[in-house]
Amino acid sequence: MKNINPLGLFDEYLLLERLTKLKDPLVKLEAHIDWQLFAPILEVAFNKPANRKNMGRPPFDRLMMFKLLILQSLYNLSDDQMEDQITDRLSFRRFLGLKSSDKVPDSKTIWKFRETLIQEKLIEVLFFRFNQALDDHCIFAKNGQLVDATIVEVPRQRNSREQNAQIKAGQTPEAWKQKPNKLRQKDVDARWVKKNNTSFYGYKNHVKVDKGTKLIGSYMVTPACDHDSQALETLIEKADAGQPLYADSAYVGQDAIIEECEMSNEVHEKGTKGQPLTEEQKASNRKKSKSRARVEHVFGFMTNSMKAMYVRTIGYVRAVAKIGLSNLTYNLMRCVQLNKKVYNVFLRG
């Protein structure tokens, strides 16, 4: 068997230069975001005595681990795949600031870091910290808001009808109680939903998107069976006053919530049996669609570029964390597309 010659110093440098010329997206992501934005939140969480007592060897840098989760979300990699890819890919190591001789976090370390963020309920905090920085830099256009929801699938459960009925009633099947290992692999929070005659199992990612920039302003996660309109009251707020709200006909009947936030109602009108839409209403819907359709661009990027419409989690809490990280990752990448640099205004403003 031939010996494999290791890369020399200049070999690695030339490879990285080649990656840069090939427009490595992580180079722009690193250049546009000041990651110190997130440092205070991470330090407070991980410096708690409860999170330090069982850490073992000296921990990895918090910001590096957070950037690792963003990478994982951007490429939809499992913890094991993430460990392999960091070890193998120069672009990943450069983005994370790791040298060839540095130790790479293993899959269990990645899992533990994310679990700590989940336990401390920090994913949403980190999402809104970044949005606050966007607001500080006046990046949100605030010329209209778009709301919609998309299904995020999770591993399907092979349960009997009786077991599904018990789960919907909030009960745990007796057979599962006797097998705790099996019970841990059962997602009793996700739900089935049928769309366009196709069945899906998982959750819904409800988002409010800024019309001008296509940045996600807020989000909410529910079981897939929940109707899209149920999240509207959580998504919009009085700070949106004066802006038009664009949405498809699933949000018909939410006039009181829209009026309470003092927004103009641009929700698609919906025909009913015996009372179809008039030509004037159809023309109005077509006009609204030119704005409303921009939310589909958001889901398109998350579907095609991030593969974020399927998550490998069990349970509502972890699904919310994964979907929240996907929404944050999308906003980070969208800033790169907009060519907007986001810095810590408190340090560099």
Protein backbone atom coordinates (compact mmCIF):
# COMPACT_ATOMS: atom_id res chain seq x y z
CA MET A 1 0.00 0.00 0.00
CA LYS A 2 1.39 3.43 -1.00
CA ASN A 3 2.03 6.06 1.61
CA ILE A 4 -0.21 9.12 1.32
CA ASN A 5 1.86 12.29 1.49
CA PRO A 6 0.36 14.87 3.87
CA LEU A 7 -0.35 18.38 2.62
CA GLY A 8 2.45 20.85 3.11
CA LEU A 9 1.92 24.40 4.40
CA PHE A 10 1.83 25.97 0.94
CA ASP A 11 -0.29 23.15 -0.49
CA GLU A 12 -3.05 23.92 2.00
CA TYR A 13 -2.73 27.66 1.35
CA LEU A 14 -3.03 27.17 -2.41
CA LEU A 15 -6.06 24.91 -1.96
CA LEU A 16 -7.78 27.54 0.17
CA GLU A 17 -6.98 30.21 -2.40
CA ARG A 18 -8.52 27.98 -5.05
CA LEU A 19 -11.66 27.55 -2.94
CA THR A 20 -11.93 31.32 -2.54
CA LYS A 21 -11.71 31.82 -6.32
CA LEU A 22 -14.45 29.24 -6.72
CA LYS A 23 -16.63 31.53 -4.57
CA ASP A 24 -16.79 29.52 -1.36
CA PRO A 25 -20.01 30.90 0.24
CA LEU A 26 -18.51 30.59 3.72
CA VAL A 27 -15.94 33.28 2.93
CA LYS A 28 -18.69 35.85 2.35
CA LEU A 29 -20.64 34.63 5.36
CA GLU A 30 -17.58 35.16 7.57
CA ALA A 31 -16.97 38.61 6.07
CA HIS A 32 -20.53 39.89 6.49
CA ILE A 33 -21.32 38.77 10.04
CA ASP A 34 -19.69 39.89 13.26
CA TRP A 35 -20.07 36.71 15.29
CA GLN A 36 -19.30 38.59 18.49
CA LEU A 37 -22.97 39.58 18.40
CA PHE A 38 -23.78 36.20 19.88
CA ALA A 39 -20.88 35.89 22.35
CA PRO A 40 -22.52 37.48 25.45
CA ILE A 41 -25.56 35.19 25.21
CA LEU A 42 -23.42 32.07 24.82
CA GLU A 43 -21.03 32.98 27.62
CA VAL A 44 -23.84 33.60 30.13
CA ALA A 45 -25.45 30.25 29.32
CA PHE A 46 -22.30 28.13 29.41
CA ASN A 47 -20.76 29.81 32.45
CA LYS A 48 -23.65 28.74 34.68
CA PRO A 49 -22.44 26.34 37.40
CA ALA A 50 -24.93 23.71 36.26
CA ASN A 51 -23.39 23.71 32.78
CA ARG A 52 -19.77 23.72 33.97
CA LYS A 53 -19.59 21.03 36.62
CA ASN A 54 -19.63 18.04 34.25
CA MET A 55 -17.77 19.51 31.30
CA GLY A 56 -14.65 17.31 31.66
CA ARG A 57 -11.75 18.51 29.53
CA PRO A 58 -11.50 22.24 28.62
CA PRO A 59 -14.45 23.14 26.38
CA PHE A 60 -14.21 24.23 22.76
CA ASP A 61 -14.63 27.92 21.97
CA ARG A 62 -18.34 28.81 22.29
CA LEU A 63 -18.50 30.94 19.15
CA MET A 64 -16.75 28.27 17.12
CA MET A 65 -19.31 25.71 18.30
CA PHE A 66 -22.18 28.07 17.47
CA LYS A 67 -20.77 28.64 13.97
CA LEU A 68 -20.53 24.86 13.69
CA LEU A 69 -24.30 24.59 14.31
CA ILE A 70 -24.91 27.20 11.61
CA LEU A 71 -22.79 25.13 9.21
CA GLN A 72 -24.71 22.02 10.19
CA SER A 73 -28.00 23.79 9.53
CA LEU A 74 -26.83 25.26 6.22
CA TYR A 75 -25.88 21.84 4.84
CA ASN A 76 -28.41 19.74 6.83
CA LEU A 77 -25.81 17.38 8.27
CA SER A 78 -26.21 14.95 11.17
CA ASP A 79 -23.83 15.20 14.12
CA ASP A 80 -21.75 12.27 12.81
CA GLN A 81 -21.65 13.75 9.32
CA MET A 82 -20.63 17.11 10.77
CA GLU A 83 -17.66 15.58 12.59
CA ASP A 84 -16.56 13.85 9.36
CA GLN A 85 -16.96 16.94 7.21
CA ILE A 86 -14.99 19.23 9.54
CA THR A 87 -12.20 16.67 9.59
CA ASP A 88 -12.22 16.36 5.80
CA ARG A 89 -13.09 19.81 4.39
CA LEU A 90 -10.67 22.74 4.40
CA SER A 91 -13.47 25.23 3.77
CA PHE A 92 -15.25 24.14 6.95
CA ARG A 93 -12.07 24.32 9.03
CA ARG A 94 -11.24 27.78 7.70
CA PHE A 95 -14.73 29.06 8.52
CA LEU A 96 -14.48 27.65 12.05
CA GLY A 97 -10.93 28.97 12.54
CA LEU A 98 -9.45 25.50 13.03
CA LYS A 99 -5.91 24.65 11.99
CA SER A 100 -4.97 21.24 10.61
CA SER A 101 -3.45 20.29 13.97
CA ASP A 102 -6.49 21.38 16.02
CA LYS A 103 -8.79 18.82 17.60
CA VAL A 104 -12.20 18.56 15.93
CA PRO A 105 -15.38 18.38 18.09
CA ASP A 106 -16.83 14.89 17.97
CA SER A 107 -20.50 14.14 17.40
CA LYS A 108 -21.27 13.80 21.13
CA THR A 109 -19.73 17.21 21.83
CA ILE A 110 -21.83 18.75 19.06
CA TRP A 111 -24.97 17.10 20.47
CA LYS A 112 -24.17 18.28 24.01
CA PHE A 113 -23.60 21.88 22.88
CA ARG A 114 -26.91 22.00 21.03
CA GLU A 115 -28.73 20.33 23.92
CA THR A 116 -27.43 23.02 26.29
CA LEU A 117 -28.77 25.73 23.98
CA ILE A 118 -32.12 23.92 23.94
CA GLN A 119 -32.25 23.49 27.72
CA GLU A 120 -31.43 27.17 28.23
CA LYS A 121 -34.04 28.13 25.57
CA LEU A 122 -31.46 30.18 23.69
CA ILE A 123 -32.13 29.37 20.02
CA GLU A 124 -34.95 31.91 19.79
CA VAL A 125 -32.92 34.40 21.85
CA LEU A 126 -30.03 34.12 19.38
CA PHE A 127 -32.45 34.52 16.45
CA PHE A 128 -33.92 37.74 17.85
CA ARG A 129 -30.46 39.04 18.86
CA PHE A 130 -29.46 38.90 15.22
CA ASN A 131 -32.73 40.53 14.15
CA GLN A 132 -32.08 43.30 16.65
CA ALA A 133 -28.71 43.90 14.97
CA LEU A 134 -30.48 44.01 11.60
CA ASP A 135 -32.91 46.57 13.01
CA ASP A 136 -30.06 48.61 14.51
CA HIS A 137 -28.55 48.81 11.01
CA CYS A 138 -31.95 49.72 9.48
CA ILE A 139 -31.81 46.70 7.17
CA PHE A 140 -35.48 45.71 7.44
CA ALA A 141 -37.41 47.55 4.71
CA LYS A 142 -40.68 47.59 6.70
CA ASN A 143 -42.75 48.22 3.57
CA GLY A 144 -44.98 45.19 4.08
CA GLN A 145 -45.12 41.82 5.84
CA LEU A 146 -45.73 38.37 4.37
CA VAL A 147 -46.99 35.42 6.42
CA ASP A 148 -47.09 31.77 5.45
CA ALA A 149 -46.28 28.29 6.74
CA THR A 150 -44.45 25.28 5.39
CA ILE A 151 -44.35 21.65 6.51
CA VAL A 152 -41.13 20.33 8.04
CA GLU A 153 -41.08 16.54 8.08
CA VAL A 154 -39.55 14.31 10.76
CA PRO A 155 -38.92 10.53 10.72
CA ARG A 156 -42.28 8.81 10.28
CA GLN A 157 -43.73 6.70 13.06
CA ARG A 158 -45.14 3.26 12.33
CA ASN A 159 -47.96 3.19 14.85
CA SER A 160 -51.27 1.38 14.86
CA ARG A 161 -54.52 3.35 14.64
CA GLU A 162 -55.19 2.58 18.29
CA GLN A 163 -51.78 3.92 19.31
CA ASN A 164 -52.29 7.08 17.24
CA ALA A 165 -55.65 7.63 18.89
CA GLN A 166 -54.06 7.34 22.33
CA ILE A 167 -51.29 9.80 21.37
CA LYS A 168 -53.85 12.35 20.14
CA ALA A 169 -55.65 11.98 23.46
CA GLY A 170 -52.42 12.77 25.30
CA GLN A 171 -51.87 9.19 26.51
CA THR A 172 -48.86 6.90 26.20
CA PRO A 173 -49.55 3.36 24.92
CA GLU A 174 -48.94 0.80 27.68
CA ALA A 175 -46.65 -1.33 25.48
CA TRP A 176 -44.27 1.63 25.11
CA LYS A 177 -44.09 2.27 28.84
CA GLN A 178 -42.59 -1.18 29.31
CA LYS A 179 -39.88 -0.41 26.72
CA PRO A 180 -38.25 2.93 27.62
CA ASN A 181 -35.69 2.65 24.82
CA LYS A 182 -38.48 2.32 22.25
CA LEU A 183 -40.42 5.16 23.87
CA ARG A 184 -37.43 7.50 23.45
CA GLN A 185 -37.59 6.90 19.70
CA LYS A 186 -41.29 7.77 19.46
CA ASP A 187 -42.28 11.32 18.49
CA VAL A 188 -45.62 11.85 20.20
CA ASP A 189 -45.72 15.59 19.40
CA ALA A 190 -45.58 15.52 15.59
CA ARG A 191 -48.81 15.10 13.65
CA TRP A 192 -50.02 13.91 10.26
CA VAL A 193 -51.46 16.33 7.71
CA LYS A 194 -52.62 15.86 4.14
CA LYS A 195 -51.73 18.43 1.49
CA ASN A 196 -52.51 18.04 -2.22
CA ASN A 197 -53.50 14.41 -1.53
CA THR A 198 -50.08 13.66 -0.02
CA SER A 199 -49.63 12.79 3.65
CA PHE A 200 -46.87 14.43 5.70
CA TYR A 201 -45.73 13.79 9.27
CA GLY A 202 -44.04 16.51 11.26
CA TYR A 203 -44.40 20.17 12.14
CA LYS A 204 -45.13 23.54 10.54
CA ASN A 205 -42.72 26.44 10.35
CA HIS A 206 -44.86 29.60 10.43
CA VAL A 207 -42.93 32.72 9.41
CA LYS A 208 -43.41 36.45 9.02
CA VAL A 209 -41.17 37.82 6.25
CA ASP A 210 -40.18 41.41 5.53
CA LYS A 211 -41.47 42.16 2.02
CA GLY A 212 -38.58 44.36 0.88
CA THR A 213 -35.67 42.22 2.08
CA LYS A 214 -37.22 38.73 2.38
CA LEU A 215 -35.73 38.44 5.89
CA ILE A 216 -37.64 36.41 8.49
CA GLY A 217 -38.84 38.74 11.23
CA SER A 218 -40.48 36.18 13.51
CA TYR A 219 -41.52 32.54 13.48
CA MET A 220 -43.56 29.94 15.33
CA VAL A 221 -43.49 26.14 15.22
CA THR A 222 -46.61 23.99 15.61
CA PRO A 223 -47.62 20.38 14.89
CA ALA A 224 -48.31 19.93 11.17
CA CYS A 225 -52.05 19.50 11.70
CA ASP A 226 -52.50 23.04 13.04
CA HIS A 227 -54.12 25.44 10.60
CA ASP A 228 -51.83 28.13 9.16
CA SER A 229 -53.95 30.99 10.50
CA GLN A 230 -53.64 29.87 14.15
CA ALA A 231 -50.13 31.34 14.35
CA LEU A 232 -51.01 34.77 12.96
CA GLU A 233 -51.67 36.37 16.36
CA THR A 234 -48.14 35.37 17.46
CA LEU A 235 -46.39 36.41 14.25
CA ILE A 236 -47.65 39.96 13.77
CA GLU A 237 -47.44 42.76 16.35
CA LYS A 238 -48.28 46.42 16.82
CA ALA A 239 -44.77 47.36 15.71
CA ASP A 240 -45.96 46.35 12.22
CA ALA A 241 -48.61 49.08 12.25
CA GLY A 242 -49.09 50.94 8.99
CA GLN A 243 -47.73 48.12 6.83
CA PRO A 244 -49.77 45.94 4.49
CA LEU A 245 -50.09 42.26 5.41
CA TYR A 246 -49.94 39.81 2.51
CA ALA A 247 -51.14 36.22 2.93
CA ASP A 248 -52.94 33.50 1.00
CA SER A 249 -56.60 32.64 1.50
CA ALA A 250 -55.80 30.34 4.45
CA TYR A 251 -55.72 33.51 6.57
CA VAL A 252 -59.22 34.68 5.62
CA GLY A 253 -61.28 35.52 8.71
CA GLN A 254 -58.42 36.98 10.75
CA ASP A 255 -59.54 40.59 10.21
CA ALA A 256 -59.78 41.40 13.95
CA ILE A 257 -56.14 40.40 14.60
CA ILE A 258 -54.93 42.40 11.59
CA GLU A 259 -56.95 45.46 12.62
CA GLU A 260 -55.65 45.23 16.19
CA CYS A 261 -52.10 45.52 14.82
CA GLU A 262 -53.27 48.43 12.64
CA MET A 263 -52.09 46.79 9.43
CA SER A 264 -53.83 47.03 6.07
CA ASN A 265 -55.43 43.76 5.02
CA GLU A 266 -54.02 42.34 1.77
CA VAL A 267 -55.07 38.74 2.41
CA HIS A 268 -56.29 36.87 -0.68
CA GLU A 269 -60.04 36.64 -0.96
CA LYS A 270 -61.61 33.21 -1.08
CA GLY A 271 -64.63 32.00 -2.97
CA THR A 272 -67.25 29.77 -1.40
CA LYS A 273 -69.75 27.24 -2.70
CA GLY A 274 -72.44 29.12 -4.55
CA GLN A 275 -70.51 32.38 -4.31
CA PRO A 276 -67.39 32.20 -6.50
CA LEU A 277 -64.92 35.04 -6.79
CA THR A 278 -65.85 37.88 -9.11
CA GLU A 279 -63.50 38.95 -11.91
CA GLU A 280 -62.65 42.02 -9.85
CA GLN A 281 -61.70 39.86 -6.84
CA LYS A 282 -59.60 37.57 -9.05
CA ALA A 283 -57.75 40.58 -10.46
CA SER A 284 -57.17 41.85 -6.91
CA ASN A 285 -55.76 38.46 -5.86
CA ARG A 286 -53.40 38.43 -8.85
CA LYS A 287 -52.11 41.86 -7.88
CA LYS A 288 -51.56 40.76 -4.27
CA SER A 289 -49.78 37.62 -5.46
CA LYS A 290 -46.93 39.67 -6.92
CA SER A 291 -45.98 40.62 -3.35
CA ARG A 292 -47.18 37.54 -1.48
CA ALA A 293 -45.19 35.18 -3.71
CA ARG A 294 -41.94 36.56 -2.28
CA VAL A 295 -42.41 34.38 0.79
CA GLU A 296 -42.13 31.34 -1.49
CA HIS A 297 -38.59 32.46 -2.37
CA VAL A 298 -37.70 32.06 1.31
CA PHE A 299 -39.06 28.52 1.45
CA GLY A 300 -37.45 27.80 -1.91
CA PHE A 301 -33.98 28.62 -0.59
CA MET A 302 -34.58 26.61 2.57
CA THR A 303 -35.84 23.66 0.51
CA ASN A 304 -33.32 23.59 -2.32
CA SER A 305 -30.15 25.07 -0.83
CA MET A 306 -30.46 24.08 2.83
CA LYS A 307 -32.60 20.92 2.57
CA ALA A 308 -34.30 22.23 5.71
CA MET A 309 -37.73 20.69 5.17
CA TYR A 310 -36.69 17.50 6.92
CA VAL A 311 -35.14 17.31 10.38
CA ARG A 312 -33.79 14.28 12.23
CA THR A 313 -35.27 14.99 15.64
CA ILE A 314 -37.73 13.43 18.07
CA GLY A 315 -40.16 15.63 19.98
CA TYR A 316 -41.46 19.18 19.76
CA VAL A 317 -38.70 20.88 21.76
CA ARG A 318 -35.86 19.61 19.58
CA ALA A 319 -37.83 20.23 16.38
CA VAL A 320 -38.37 23.85 17.44
CA ALA A 321 -34.63 24.21 18.03
CA LYS A 322 -33.69 22.75 14.65
CA ILE A 323 -36.27 24.84 12.79
CA GLY A 324 -35.22 27.95 14.71
CA LEU A 325 -31.59 27.36 13.70
CA SER A 326 -32.71 26.96 10.08
CA ASN A 327 -34.54 30.30 10.22
CA LEU A 328 -31.50 32.01 11.74
CA THR A 329 -29.18 30.43 9.16
CA TYR A 330 -31.47 31.60 6.38
CA ASN A 331 -31.33 35.19 7.69
CA LEU A 332 -27.53 35.04 7.89
CA MET A 333 -27.29 33.83 4.29
CA ARG A 334 -29.87 36.35 3.13
CA CYS A 335 -27.70 39.17 4.51
CA VAL A 336 -24.87 37.88 2.33
CA GLN A 337 -27.18 37.89 -0.70
CA LEU A 338 -28.27 41.45 0.11
CA ASN A 339 -24.58 42.39 0.52
CA LYS A 340 -25.37 43.83 3.96
CA LYS A 341 -22.65 43.74 6.60
CA VAL A 342 -23.94 43.25 10.15
CA TYR A 343 -21.61 44.33 12.93
CA ASN A 344 -21.97 44.62 16.66
CA VAL A 345 -23.09 48.22 17.04
CA PHE A 346 -22.01 48.25 20.68
CA LEU A 347 -18.42 47.34 19.77
CA ARG A 348 -18.02 48.88 16.33
CA GLY A 349 -20.92 51.24 15.87
